[in-house]
Amino acid sequence: MEPVSATRLLLYNIRYGMGLGPGVHWPLPGVGSMADSRGILRHITNFIKGQNPDIVGLVEVDGGSIRSRRVNQADTIARALGHYSVYQCKYGESSLNQFLPIVRKQGNAFLAAPHVHGARFHYFDKGIKRLIIELELADCAIFLVHLSLRYGHRQDQLHALRDFVGASTKPVLIAGDFNTLRGGKDEIRQFMKASGLRNANVRGLPSYPSPSPRKELDFVLYGDGIDVTGFFMPGVQYSDHLPLVCDFRVGRTSLEAA
């Protein structure tokens, strides 16, 4: 029997294609919110295409605001890769942010090749950023998240993620920006212990800020049945976060990343 080829997952907080310029986050308007993001988006697209990923998890994607000149960034990158895209606003369905210009177009997305079996949207009960995207493959499930900056809300969100891991009938990966500015490594270690997940980034390499990384905010965590065969963080600076690239297979044992 031929060995199963690895699946490449690329995780990237792209900061709405705004590069390393002035702050663009809530509260708006922010100095950089009205700048044209299309130039940086071309660089991001070419970089991602060069990594040849099977699945891309994008955090902080503009779904078509005036900032992106009405362009859905997830769709643009997906077309370049020959993938399809699943995009959703990251705020709760009843949040006032759903009605605010620019903010209502801020979301997360999965881009994937055609072997995906389906995608579902879930929402945390706490926090401003509540979206969970679940991508189902034939033999595993991948969850994409952007967790709360507030420690208390983030703890509630991590508890909910433990429930998703426990309820899954397939091996699980969780990828995203965990925003562990407070709590740090202890917070993640406690979550991994409670959920039975491992960190693909075994050396704890920092991903933020990209010009001089000091904090490990972005994670690919994986459970039993997943074999991680490679992990690296390209040193590109098209965002304030570094991208994470994780190669994995679905197997009977879980291996540490090389």
Protein backbone atom coordinates (compact mmCIF):
# COMPACT_ATOMS: atom_id res chain seq x y z
CA MET A 1 0.00 0.00 0.00
CA GLU A 2 1.33 3.43 -0.94
CA PRO A 3 1.87 5.86 1.96
CA VAL A 4 -0.79 8.51 2.41
CA SER A 5 0.47 11.88 1.19
CA ALA A 6 0.59 14.70 3.71
CA THR A 7 -1.96 17.50 3.78
CA ARG A 8 -0.52 21.02 4.00
CA LEU A 9 -2.38 23.50 6.21
CA LEU A 10 -1.35 27.16 6.08
CA LEU A 11 -2.63 29.48 8.81
CA TYR A 12 -2.25 33.23 8.37
CA ASN A 13 -3.65 36.28 10.15
CA ILE A 14 -3.43 38.66 7.18
CA ARG A 15 -4.59 41.82 9.01
CA TYR A 16 -7.12 42.67 6.29
CA GLY A 17 -4.26 43.14 3.81
CA MET A 18 -3.09 46.29 5.58
CA GLY A 19 0.53 45.23 6.01
CA LEU A 20 2.62 46.71 8.81
CA GLY A 21 1.20 50.23 8.68
CA PRO A 22 -0.83 52.09 11.32
CA GLY A 23 -3.42 50.28 13.43
CA VAL A 24 -6.57 49.11 11.69
CA HIS A 25 -8.47 47.36 14.44
CA TRP A 26 -11.52 48.26 16.48
CA PRO A 27 -12.30 50.90 17.56
CA LEU A 28 -12.65 52.36 14.10
CA PRO A 29 -11.98 54.42 12.09
CA GLY A 30 -8.25 53.80 12.80
CA VAL A 31 -5.56 55.50 10.80
CA GLY A 32 -5.18 52.78 8.19
CA SER A 33 -8.75 51.67 7.69
CA MET A 34 -9.37 53.57 4.47
CA ALA A 35 -6.08 52.71 2.75
CA ASP A 36 -6.14 50.53 -0.36
CA SER A 37 -5.19 46.95 0.60
CA ARG A 38 -4.96 45.49 -2.90
CA GLY A 39 -1.19 45.82 -3.27
CA ILE A 40 -0.44 43.89 -0.08
CA LEU A 41 -3.11 41.35 -1.02
CA ARG A 42 -1.24 40.56 -4.24
CA HIS A 43 1.92 39.85 -2.24
CA ILE A 44 -0.03 37.68 0.22
CA THR A 45 -1.69 35.79 -2.62
CA ASN A 46 1.60 35.09 -4.39
CA PHE A 47 3.21 33.97 -1.13
CA ILE A 48 0.38 31.57 -0.27
CA LYS A 49 0.31 30.16 -3.80
CA GLY A 50 4.05 29.48 -3.56
CA GLN A 51 3.54 27.33 -0.46
CA ASN A 52 1.17 25.01 -2.38
CA PRO A 53 -1.23 24.48 0.54
CA ASP A 54 -4.17 22.07 0.45
CA ILE A 55 -6.03 24.11 3.09
CA VAL A 56 -5.64 27.75 4.07
CA GLY A 57 -7.06 29.22 7.28
CA LEU A 58 -7.25 33.00 7.05
CA VAL A 59 -7.83 35.24 10.06
CA GLU A 60 -8.68 38.95 9.72
CA VAL A 61 -10.02 38.85 6.16
CA ASP A 62 -11.88 41.72 4.52
CA GLY A 63 -15.06 40.42 2.91
CA GLY A 64 -15.60 43.39 0.62
CA SER A 65 -15.53 46.75 2.42
CA ILE A 66 -14.39 50.09 1.02
CA ARG A 67 -10.96 49.27 2.50
CA SER A 68 -10.55 46.34 0.06
CA ARG A 69 -12.35 48.28 -2.71
CA ARG A 70 -15.33 45.91 -2.39
CA VAL A 71 -13.15 42.87 -3.03
CA ASN A 72 -13.64 39.74 -0.94
CA GLN A 73 -10.04 38.88 -0.09
CA ALA A 74 -10.80 35.21 0.60
CA ASP A 75 -12.39 34.75 -2.83
CA THR A 76 -9.47 36.53 -4.52
CA ILE A 77 -6.86 34.27 -2.94
CA ALA A 78 -9.00 31.16 -3.50
CA ARG A 79 -9.31 31.83 -7.23
CA ALA A 80 -5.53 32.16 -7.53
CA LEU A 81 -5.10 28.80 -5.79
CA GLY A 82 -7.92 27.02 -7.62
CA HIS A 83 -9.62 26.47 -4.26
CA TYR A 84 -13.10 27.25 -3.07
CA SER A 85 -13.62 29.59 -0.12
CA VAL A 86 -15.81 29.63 2.99
CA TYR A 87 -16.06 33.09 4.55
CA GLN A 88 -18.08 34.53 7.44
CA CYS A 89 -18.13 37.69 9.57
CA LYS A 90 -16.36 36.89 12.85
CA TYR A 91 -18.78 38.69 15.15
CA GLY A 92 -21.85 37.20 16.75
CA GLU A 93 -25.01 37.03 14.67
CA SER A 94 -26.76 39.55 16.95
CA SER A 95 -23.73 41.81 17.44
CA LEU A 96 -24.00 45.51 16.62
CA ASN A 97 -20.75 45.05 14.71
CA GLN A 98 -22.79 43.30 12.02
CA PHE A 99 -24.27 46.71 11.12
CA LEU A 100 -21.17 48.92 11.19
CA PRO A 101 -19.38 49.93 7.96
CA ILE A 102 -16.05 48.13 7.38
CA VAL A 103 -16.40 46.21 10.66
CA ARG A 104 -19.26 44.08 9.32
CA LYS A 105 -16.93 42.91 6.54
CA GLN A 106 -14.25 41.67 8.96
CA GLY A 107 -14.18 37.91 9.07
CA ASN A 108 -12.29 34.65 8.83
CA ALA A 109 -12.14 32.11 6.02
CA PHE A 110 -11.09 28.65 4.94
CA LEU A 111 -9.78 28.03 1.43
CA ALA A 112 -9.62 24.41 0.38
CA ALA A 113 -9.23 22.01 -2.50
CA PRO A 114 -12.31 20.03 -3.60
CA HIS A 115 -11.83 17.05 -1.27
CA VAL A 116 -13.63 18.84 1.58
CA HIS A 117 -16.85 17.19 2.75
CA GLY A 118 -18.50 20.28 4.21
CA ALA A 119 -18.20 23.41 6.35
CA ARG A 120 -20.23 24.67 9.30
CA PHE A 121 -20.36 27.90 11.28
CA HIS A 122 -20.54 27.86 15.08
CA TYR A 123 -20.48 30.73 17.57
CA PHE A 124 -19.07 31.17 21.06
CA ASP A 125 -21.42 32.45 23.75
CA LYS A 126 -18.90 35.00 25.05
CA GLY A 127 -16.60 37.58 23.49
CA ILE A 128 -16.84 40.01 20.58
CA LYS A 129 -15.12 37.71 18.09
CA ARG A 130 -17.34 34.60 18.26
CA LEU A 131 -17.01 32.75 14.98
CA ILE A 132 -15.82 29.15 14.73
CA ILE A 133 -15.53 27.67 11.23
CA GLU A 134 -15.51 23.88 11.10
CA LEU A 135 -14.08 22.32 7.95
CA GLU A 136 -14.82 18.62 7.55
CA LEU A 137 -12.50 16.40 5.56
CA ALA A 138 -13.02 12.72 4.88
CA ASP A 139 -10.90 11.65 7.84
CA CYS A 140 -10.55 14.70 10.14
CA ALA A 141 -12.12 18.00 11.18
CA ILE A 142 -10.36 21.38 11.34
CA PHE A 143 -11.64 24.31 13.41
CA LEU A 144 -10.59 27.90 12.68
CA VAL A 145 -10.84 30.49 15.48
CA HIS A 146 -9.87 34.04 16.45
CA LEU A 147 -10.18 34.19 20.22
CA SER A 148 -11.02 37.08 22.51
CA LEU A 149 -8.45 39.54 23.82
CA ARG A 150 -10.18 39.42 27.22
CA TYR A 151 -8.81 36.66 29.44
CA GLY A 152 -12.16 35.73 31.00
CA HIS A 153 -13.98 35.52 27.68
CA ARG A 154 -11.10 33.57 26.18
CA GLN A 155 -11.31 31.02 28.98
CA ASP A 156 -15.00 30.49 28.21
CA GLN A 157 -14.12 30.09 24.54
CA LEU A 158 -11.41 27.55 25.26
CA HIS A 159 -13.88 25.59 27.38
CA ALA A 160 -16.28 25.53 24.43
CA LEU A 161 -13.49 24.33 22.15
CA ARG A 162 -12.81 21.43 24.53
CA ASP A 163 -16.44 20.42 24.07
CA PHE A 164 -16.07 20.48 20.28
CA VAL A 165 -12.97 18.29 20.51
CA GLY A 166 -14.76 15.84 22.80
CA ALA A 167 -17.82 15.66 20.56
CA SER A 168 -15.96 15.10 17.29
CA THR A 169 -16.09 11.61 15.80
CA LYS A 170 -12.97 12.37 13.72
CA PRO A 171 -9.42 13.43 14.60
CA VAL A 172 -9.30 17.17 15.23
CA LEU A 173 -7.04 20.13 14.48
CA ILE A 174 -7.67 23.61 15.87
CA ALA A 175 -5.95 26.51 14.12
CA GLY A 176 -6.11 30.23 14.69
CA ASP A 177 -5.05 33.38 16.47
CA PHE A 178 -5.52 32.62 20.17
CA ASN A 179 -4.67 36.16 21.33
CA THR A 180 -2.82 34.85 24.37
CA LEU A 181 -1.35 38.23 25.28
CA ARG A 182 -2.29 37.46 28.89
CA GLY A 183 -1.94 33.95 30.24
CA GLY A 184 0.59 32.98 27.59
CA LYS A 185 2.12 29.54 27.52
CA ASP A 186 0.51 28.41 30.80
CA GLU A 187 -2.92 29.16 29.40
CA ILE A 188 -2.28 27.10 26.28
CA ARG A 189 -0.66 24.26 28.21
CA GLN A 190 -3.72 24.00 30.45
CA PHE A 191 -6.02 23.95 27.44
CA MET A 192 -3.96 21.27 25.66
CA LYS A 193 -3.90 19.12 28.79
CA ALA A 194 -7.66 19.39 29.23
CA SER A 195 -8.45 18.76 25.56
CA GLY A 196 -5.78 16.16 24.77
CA LEU A 197 -4.29 18.30 22.00
CA ARG A 198 -0.65 18.83 21.06
CA ASN A 199 1.10 21.87 19.63
CA ALA A 200 2.54 21.45 16.13
CA ASN A 201 4.96 24.27 17.01
CA VAL A 202 6.97 22.13 19.43
CA ARG A 203 9.71 24.74 19.81
CA GLY A 204 7.24 27.44 20.77
CA LEU A 205 8.42 29.81 18.05
CA PRO A 206 6.81 33.27 18.40
CA SER A 207 4.59 34.55 15.59
CA TYR A 208 3.95 38.16 16.64
CA PRO A 209 4.91 40.85 15.77
CA SER A 210 6.33 39.67 12.48
CA PRO A 211 9.33 42.09 12.20
CA SER A 212 10.66 40.92 15.58
CA PRO A 213 8.51 38.08 16.93
CA ARG A 214 8.19 37.86 20.71
CA LYS A 215 4.81 36.24 21.39
CA GLU A 216 3.32 32.91 20.36
CA LEU A 217 -0.24 33.98 19.48
CA ASP A 218 -0.99 31.72 16.50
CA PHE A 219 -1.40 27.97 16.93
CA VAL A 220 -2.05 24.72 15.12
CA LEU A 221 -3.11 22.19 17.74
CA TYR A 222 -3.85 18.57 16.90
CA GLY A 223 -5.31 15.51 18.60
CA ASP A 224 -4.99 11.76 18.53
CA GLY A 225 -5.02 10.26 15.07
CA ILE A 226 -3.05 13.12 13.53
CA ASP A 227 0.61 12.71 12.57
CA VAL A 228 2.41 16.03 12.11
CA THR A 229 5.22 15.54 9.61
CA GLY A 230 6.50 19.10 9.31
CA PHE A 231 6.08 22.59 10.70
CA PHE A 232 7.67 25.95 9.84
CA MET A 233 6.99 29.68 9.95
CA PRO A 234 8.06 31.63 6.85
CA GLY A 235 9.60 34.99 7.72
CA VAL A 236 7.41 37.12 5.45
CA GLN A 237 6.19 40.52 6.66
CA TYR A 238 2.96 41.15 4.79
CA SER A 239 1.08 41.28 8.10
CA ASP A 240 1.84 41.87 11.77
CA HIS A 241 1.63 38.07 12.24
CA LEU A 242 3.84 35.38 10.73
CA PRO A 243 2.15 32.54 8.83
CA LEU A 244 2.25 28.95 10.11
CA VAL A 245 2.66 25.99 7.77
CA CYS A 246 1.83 22.52 9.07
CA ASP A 247 2.08 19.25 7.14
CA PHE A 248 0.09 16.38 8.59
CA ARG A 249 -1.31 12.94 7.89
CA VAL A 250 -4.24 11.19 9.47
CA GLY A 251 -2.94 7.98 11.05
CA ARG A 252 -3.13 5.76 14.10
CA THR A 253 -0.59 7.63 16.21
CA SER A 254 0.28 11.23 16.91
CA LEU A 255 3.88 12.29 16.31
CA GLU A 256 5.71 15.41 17.35
CA ALA A 257 6.61 17.84 14.58
CA ALA A 258 10.14 17.71 13.25
